[in-house]
Amino acid sequence: MNLKFVSGGVCKALLLALWCAWTPGVSFADESEYNFSWLDPEKKVYVLQNRRYPKSQHASLSLLGGYGLGEIYRTVYSIQPRIGYWFNEEWGIEGFFSYRHHVQNGTYRALVNAPAVINATNQATATPMIREVNAQFGVLMNWAPWYAKINVFDTILYFDWYFSAGAGMLMTEVGPKSKTEAPSFWRSENLFAVFLGTGQLFHLSDMVDLRLDLLGHFYQADIYGGLNGSNQPTLFSSFTFNAGIGFRL
């Protein structure tokens, strides 16, 4: 018998057995990097998102431009400065003032230019009463429960998602047609309002934010503006979509 051949075969068999025994261990080691079965079953593992751009105990200034949503007879544009303060990463307070510009829209022009409808008293029907919210101001409590990041064109963008609730006043005018066509029929009225909204703060740097915001106001007023002694209180609401820039101080 060739002892050299036998010893060589035994060595090869031993090497093969060692390789087979080591290979599963390598695979298991790679997979065990994300395997937490070795932990105490009563314990839990959480992944925390670090805040790159903290806002706690910082004041803020914002300038937003807006477009009115839900106005029937007017197209509304607004400009809205805000000043606020974040007590911590979740809670903050904010004051705002909005100036709103009204333009007659296509719905109103179609109504005015439509052929006159003769009613039972043989007179043309009147145009509807229109309420214009010329300005509004209030105070909001902001709650930001979510902080996250997204990939935008291979760039990481950090943002907060917040919800708002508050109260304030609306400075309105109500009347038929427009203030230039029938100025004597228009009257001013200041109304209490509740504000609800939501928005996002996209952090561009330690001091600058890109801001998207949706803010709605809810109020009660007479459906005919209190003209001619009418008294039919009705709930109204309208929303404004805002976009702008903010600064942390």
Protein backbone atom coordinates (compact mmCIF):
# COMPACT_ATOMS: atom_id res chain seq x y z
CA MET A 1 0.00 0.00 0.00
CA ASN A 2 1.19 3.46 -0.85
CA LEU A 3 1.30 5.25 2.54
CA LYS A 4 2.10 8.55 0.89
CA PHE A 5 -1.11 8.37 -1.17
CA VAL A 6 -3.20 7.43 1.89
CA SER A 7 -1.80 10.20 4.06
CA GLY A 8 -2.39 12.71 1.26
CA GLY A 9 -6.04 11.58 0.93
CA VAL A 10 -6.60 11.84 4.68
CA CYS A 11 -5.21 15.37 4.73
CA LYS A 12 -7.51 16.41 1.87
CA ALA A 13 -10.52 14.87 3.64
CA LEU A 14 -9.70 16.72 6.85
CA LEU A 15 -9.35 20.02 4.99
CA LEU A 16 -12.68 19.47 3.24
CA ALA A 17 -14.42 18.72 6.56
CA LEU A 18 -12.96 21.84 8.16
CA TRP A 19 -14.05 24.01 5.23
CA CYS A 20 -17.62 22.63 5.37
CA ALA A 21 -17.78 23.24 9.11
CA TRP A 22 -16.44 26.82 8.79
CA THR A 23 -18.60 27.95 5.85
CA PRO A 24 -22.00 27.92 7.67
CA GLY A 25 -20.38 29.84 10.48
CA VAL A 26 -19.36 32.59 8.09
CA SER A 27 -22.85 32.79 6.60
CA PHE A 28 -24.38 32.88 10.06
CA ALA A 29 -21.97 35.59 11.14
CA ASP A 30 -23.01 37.76 8.19
CA GLU A 31 -26.70 37.27 8.93
CA SER A 32 -26.29 37.64 12.68
CA GLU A 33 -25.30 41.27 12.21
CA TYR A 34 -29.05 42.04 12.10
CA ASN A 35 -30.16 39.10 14.24
CA PHE A 36 -31.03 40.08 17.81
CA SER A 37 -32.21 36.67 18.95
CA TRP A 38 -29.31 36.54 21.39
CA LEU A 39 -30.87 39.37 23.41
CA ASP A 40 -33.06 38.84 26.43
CA PRO A 41 -36.58 38.14 24.99
CA GLU A 42 -38.04 40.65 27.45
CA LYS A 43 -35.98 43.47 25.97
CA LYS A 44 -36.84 45.52 22.88
CA VAL A 45 -34.58 47.20 20.34
CA TYR A 46 -35.43 50.68 19.01
CA VAL A 47 -33.77 52.75 16.29
CA LEU A 48 -33.64 56.45 17.15
CA GLN A 49 -33.55 59.24 14.56
CA ASN A 50 -31.00 61.87 15.50
CA ARG A 51 -32.09 65.49 14.98
CA ARG A 52 -29.63 67.27 12.76
CA TYR A 53 -31.53 70.57 12.92
CA PRO A 54 -33.00 71.08 16.43
CA LYS A 55 -35.61 73.80 16.94
CA SER A 56 -36.14 73.54 20.71
CA GLN A 57 -35.97 76.90 22.52
CA HIS A 58 -35.61 78.80 19.26
CA ALA A 59 -37.69 81.71 17.99
CA SER A 60 -38.81 81.67 14.37
CA LEU A 61 -39.78 84.17 11.69
CA SER A 62 -41.70 83.15 8.54
CA LEU A 63 -43.05 84.88 5.47
CA LEU A 64 -45.69 82.93 3.52
CA GLY A 65 -47.62 83.57 0.34
CA GLY A 66 -50.99 81.87 -0.03
CA TYR A 67 -53.81 80.91 -2.38
CA GLY A 68 -57.38 80.66 -1.13
CA LEU A 69 -59.24 77.36 -1.46
CA GLY A 70 -63.03 77.07 -1.39
CA GLU A 71 -63.99 80.65 -2.18
CA ILE A 72 -67.06 80.53 -4.45
CA TYR A 73 -67.10 83.95 -6.12
CA ARG A 74 -63.58 85.25 -5.49
CA THR A 75 -59.99 84.24 -6.21
CA VAL A 76 -57.98 85.05 -3.10
CA TYR A 77 -54.26 85.71 -2.71
CA SER A 78 -52.66 86.33 0.66
CA ILE A 79 -49.41 87.31 2.31
CA GLN A 80 -48.82 86.09 5.85
CA PRO A 81 -45.93 86.92 8.20
CA ARG A 82 -45.57 84.76 11.31
CA ILE A 83 -43.52 84.89 14.49
CA GLY A 84 -43.20 81.93 16.83
CA TYR A 85 -41.28 80.12 19.51
CA TRP A 86 -40.62 76.38 20.04
CA PHE A 87 -40.64 75.35 23.69
CA ASN A 88 -39.23 71.94 22.77
CA GLU A 89 -39.02 69.72 19.70
CA GLU A 90 -42.77 68.94 19.75
CA TRP A 91 -44.58 72.04 21.04
CA GLY A 92 -44.50 75.65 19.94
CA ILE A 93 -46.62 78.80 19.75
CA GLU A 94 -47.05 81.14 16.80
CA GLY A 95 -48.75 84.43 16.03
CA PHE A 96 -49.72 85.49 12.51
CA PHE A 97 -51.38 88.20 10.44
CA SER A 98 -52.77 87.72 6.93
CA TYR A 99 -53.61 90.34 4.32
CA ARG A 100 -55.93 88.92 1.65
CA HIS A 101 -56.56 90.31 -1.84
CA HIS A 102 -59.83 89.39 -3.63
CA VAL A 103 -60.39 89.17 -7.38
CA GLN A 104 -63.70 88.30 -9.07
CA ASN A 105 -63.42 84.80 -10.48
CA GLY A 106 -65.01 83.02 -13.43
CA THR A 107 -67.95 81.72 -11.40
CA TYR A 108 -68.99 85.25 -10.43
CA ARG A 109 -68.55 86.62 -13.96
CA ALA A 110 -70.60 83.75 -15.39
CA LEU A 111 -73.37 84.47 -12.88
CA VAL A 112 -73.41 88.21 -13.62
CA ASN A 113 -73.34 87.75 -17.39
CA ALA A 114 -76.05 85.07 -17.45
CA PRO A 115 -79.48 86.12 -18.82
CA ALA A 116 -81.64 87.64 -16.09
CA VAL A 117 -84.12 85.25 -14.50
CA ILE A 118 -87.59 86.75 -13.90
CA ASN A 119 -89.15 85.63 -10.64
CA ALA A 120 -92.80 85.57 -9.53
CA THR A 121 -92.82 89.33 -8.79
CA ASN A 122 -91.72 90.07 -12.36
CA GLN A 123 -88.28 91.33 -11.27
CA ALA A 124 -84.83 90.03 -12.03
CA THR A 125 -83.22 87.98 -9.29
CA ALA A 126 -80.49 89.67 -7.26
CA THR A 127 -76.83 88.63 -7.11
CA PRO A 128 -75.76 86.66 -3.99
CA MET A 129 -74.37 88.22 -0.85
CA ILE A 130 -70.59 87.88 -0.85
CA ARG A 131 -68.37 87.97 2.22
CA GLU A 132 -64.74 88.95 1.74
CA VAL A 133 -62.21 88.21 4.49
CA ASN A 134 -59.80 91.10 3.99
CA ALA A 135 -57.46 90.27 6.89
CA GLN A 136 -57.10 87.85 9.75
CA PHE A 137 -54.87 87.46 12.78
CA GLY A 138 -54.56 84.91 15.54
CA VAL A 139 -52.45 82.71 17.78
CA LEU A 140 -51.68 79.05 17.03
CA MET A 141 -50.37 76.17 19.10
CA ASN A 142 -48.17 73.94 16.96
CA TRP A 143 -47.60 70.24 17.66
CA ALA A 144 -44.86 68.49 15.66
CA PRO A 145 -45.02 64.74 16.43
CA TRP A 146 -43.06 63.56 13.38
CA TYR A 147 -39.48 64.22 12.38
CA ALA A 148 -38.08 62.38 9.36
CA LYS A 149 -35.77 62.58 6.36
CA ILE A 150 -36.21 61.86 2.66
CA ASN A 151 -33.90 61.50 -0.32
CA VAL A 152 -34.47 64.29 -2.86
CA PHE A 153 -32.24 64.05 -5.95
CA ASP A 154 -29.56 62.20 -3.96
CA THR A 155 -29.72 64.80 -1.19
CA ILE A 156 -30.98 64.03 2.32
CA LEU A 157 -33.72 66.50 3.33
CA TYR A 158 -34.85 66.66 6.96
CA PHE A 159 -38.35 67.84 7.85
CA ASP A 160 -40.89 68.24 10.67
CA TRP A 161 -44.60 67.63 10.20
CA TYR A 162 -46.79 69.74 12.49
CA PHE A 163 -50.45 70.35 13.29
CA SER A 164 -51.92 73.70 14.36
CA ALA A 165 -54.94 74.85 16.38
CA GLY A 166 -55.80 78.33 17.57
CA ALA A 167 -58.16 81.29 17.59
CA GLY A 168 -58.29 84.85 16.32
CA MET A 169 -60.31 87.45 14.45
CA LEU A 170 -61.45 87.98 10.87
CA MET A 171 -61.91 91.46 9.40
CA THR A 172 -64.61 91.02 6.77
CA GLU A 173 -66.89 92.98 4.47
CA VAL A 174 -70.19 91.67 3.11
CA GLY A 175 -72.47 92.87 0.34
CA PRO A 176 -73.77 92.24 -3.19
CA LYS A 177 -71.75 92.38 -6.42
CA SER A 178 -68.57 94.32 -5.58
CA LYS A 179 -67.59 97.31 -3.47
CA THR A 180 -67.09 99.43 -6.58
CA GLU A 181 -70.44 98.50 -8.15
CA ALA A 182 -72.62 98.83 -5.03
CA PRO A 183 -70.56 100.52 -2.28
CA SER A 184 -73.56 101.69 -0.24
CA PHE A 185 -74.73 98.10 0.34
CA TRP A 186 -71.44 96.85 1.74
CA ARG A 187 -70.78 96.76 5.48
CA SER A 188 -67.80 95.80 7.64
CA GLU A 189 -67.94 93.09 10.29
CA ASN A 190 -65.29 91.64 12.60
CA LEU A 191 -65.81 87.99 13.52
CA PHE A 192 -64.29 85.49 15.95
CA ALA A 193 -62.71 82.48 14.24
CA VAL A 194 -61.16 79.13 15.09
CA PHE A 195 -58.09 78.09 13.09
CA LEU A 196 -56.99 74.54 12.25
CA GLY A 197 -54.08 73.58 10.03
CA THR A 198 -51.15 71.38 9.22
CA GLY A 199 -47.79 71.89 7.55
CA GLN A 200 -44.20 70.83 7.07
CA LEU A 201 -40.84 72.45 7.81
CA PHE A 202 -38.10 71.36 5.38
CA HIS A 203 -34.76 72.23 6.97
CA LEU A 204 -32.35 73.67 4.41
CA SER A 205 -29.72 74.71 6.96
CA ASP A 206 -29.30 75.45 10.66
CA MET A 207 -31.23 78.71 10.23
CA VAL A 208 -33.37 78.43 7.08
CA ASP A 209 -36.54 76.39 6.46
CA LEU A 210 -38.73 75.87 3.42
CA ARG A 211 -42.29 75.87 4.67
CA LEU A 212 -45.57 74.40 3.33
CA ASP A 213 -48.75 75.10 5.26
CA LEU A 214 -52.52 74.57 5.01
CA LEU A 215 -54.55 76.78 7.36
CA GLY A 216 -58.34 76.91 7.65
CA HIS A 217 -60.59 79.36 9.46
CA PHE A 218 -64.05 78.49 10.83
CA TYR A 219 -66.56 81.14 11.87
CA GLN A 220 -70.26 81.84 12.35
CA ALA A 221 -72.04 84.70 10.60
CA ASP A 222 -75.42 85.64 9.22
CA ILE A 223 -75.92 84.10 5.81
CA TYR A 224 -77.18 87.45 4.44
CA GLY A 225 -74.66 89.55 6.31
CA GLY A 226 -77.23 90.96 8.70
CA LEU A 227 -78.64 93.23 5.99
CA ASN A 228 -82.33 94.12 6.02
CA GLY A 229 -82.65 92.82 9.58
CA SER A 230 -81.86 89.19 8.66
CA ASN A 231 -80.80 86.83 11.43
CA GLN A 232 -79.80 83.42 10.09
CA PRO A 233 -76.46 82.47 11.69
CA THR A 234 -74.55 79.89 9.65
CA LEU A 235 -71.17 78.21 9.99
CA PHE A 236 -68.61 79.03 7.29
CA SER A 237 -65.10 77.79 6.58
CA SER A 238 -62.31 78.39 4.13
CA PHE A 239 -58.74 77.18 3.68
CA THR A 240 -55.56 78.78 2.40
CA PHE A 241 -52.56 76.90 1.03
CA ASN A 242 -49.35 78.73 1.96
CA ALA A 243 -45.71 78.35 0.95
CA GLY A 244 -42.74 80.39 2.01
CA ILE A 245 -39.49 80.62 3.90
CA GLY A 246 -38.70 80.61 7.60
CA PHE A 247 -35.75 81.55 9.79
CA ARG A 248 -34.71 80.16 13.19
CA LEU A 249 -33.21 82.73 15.52
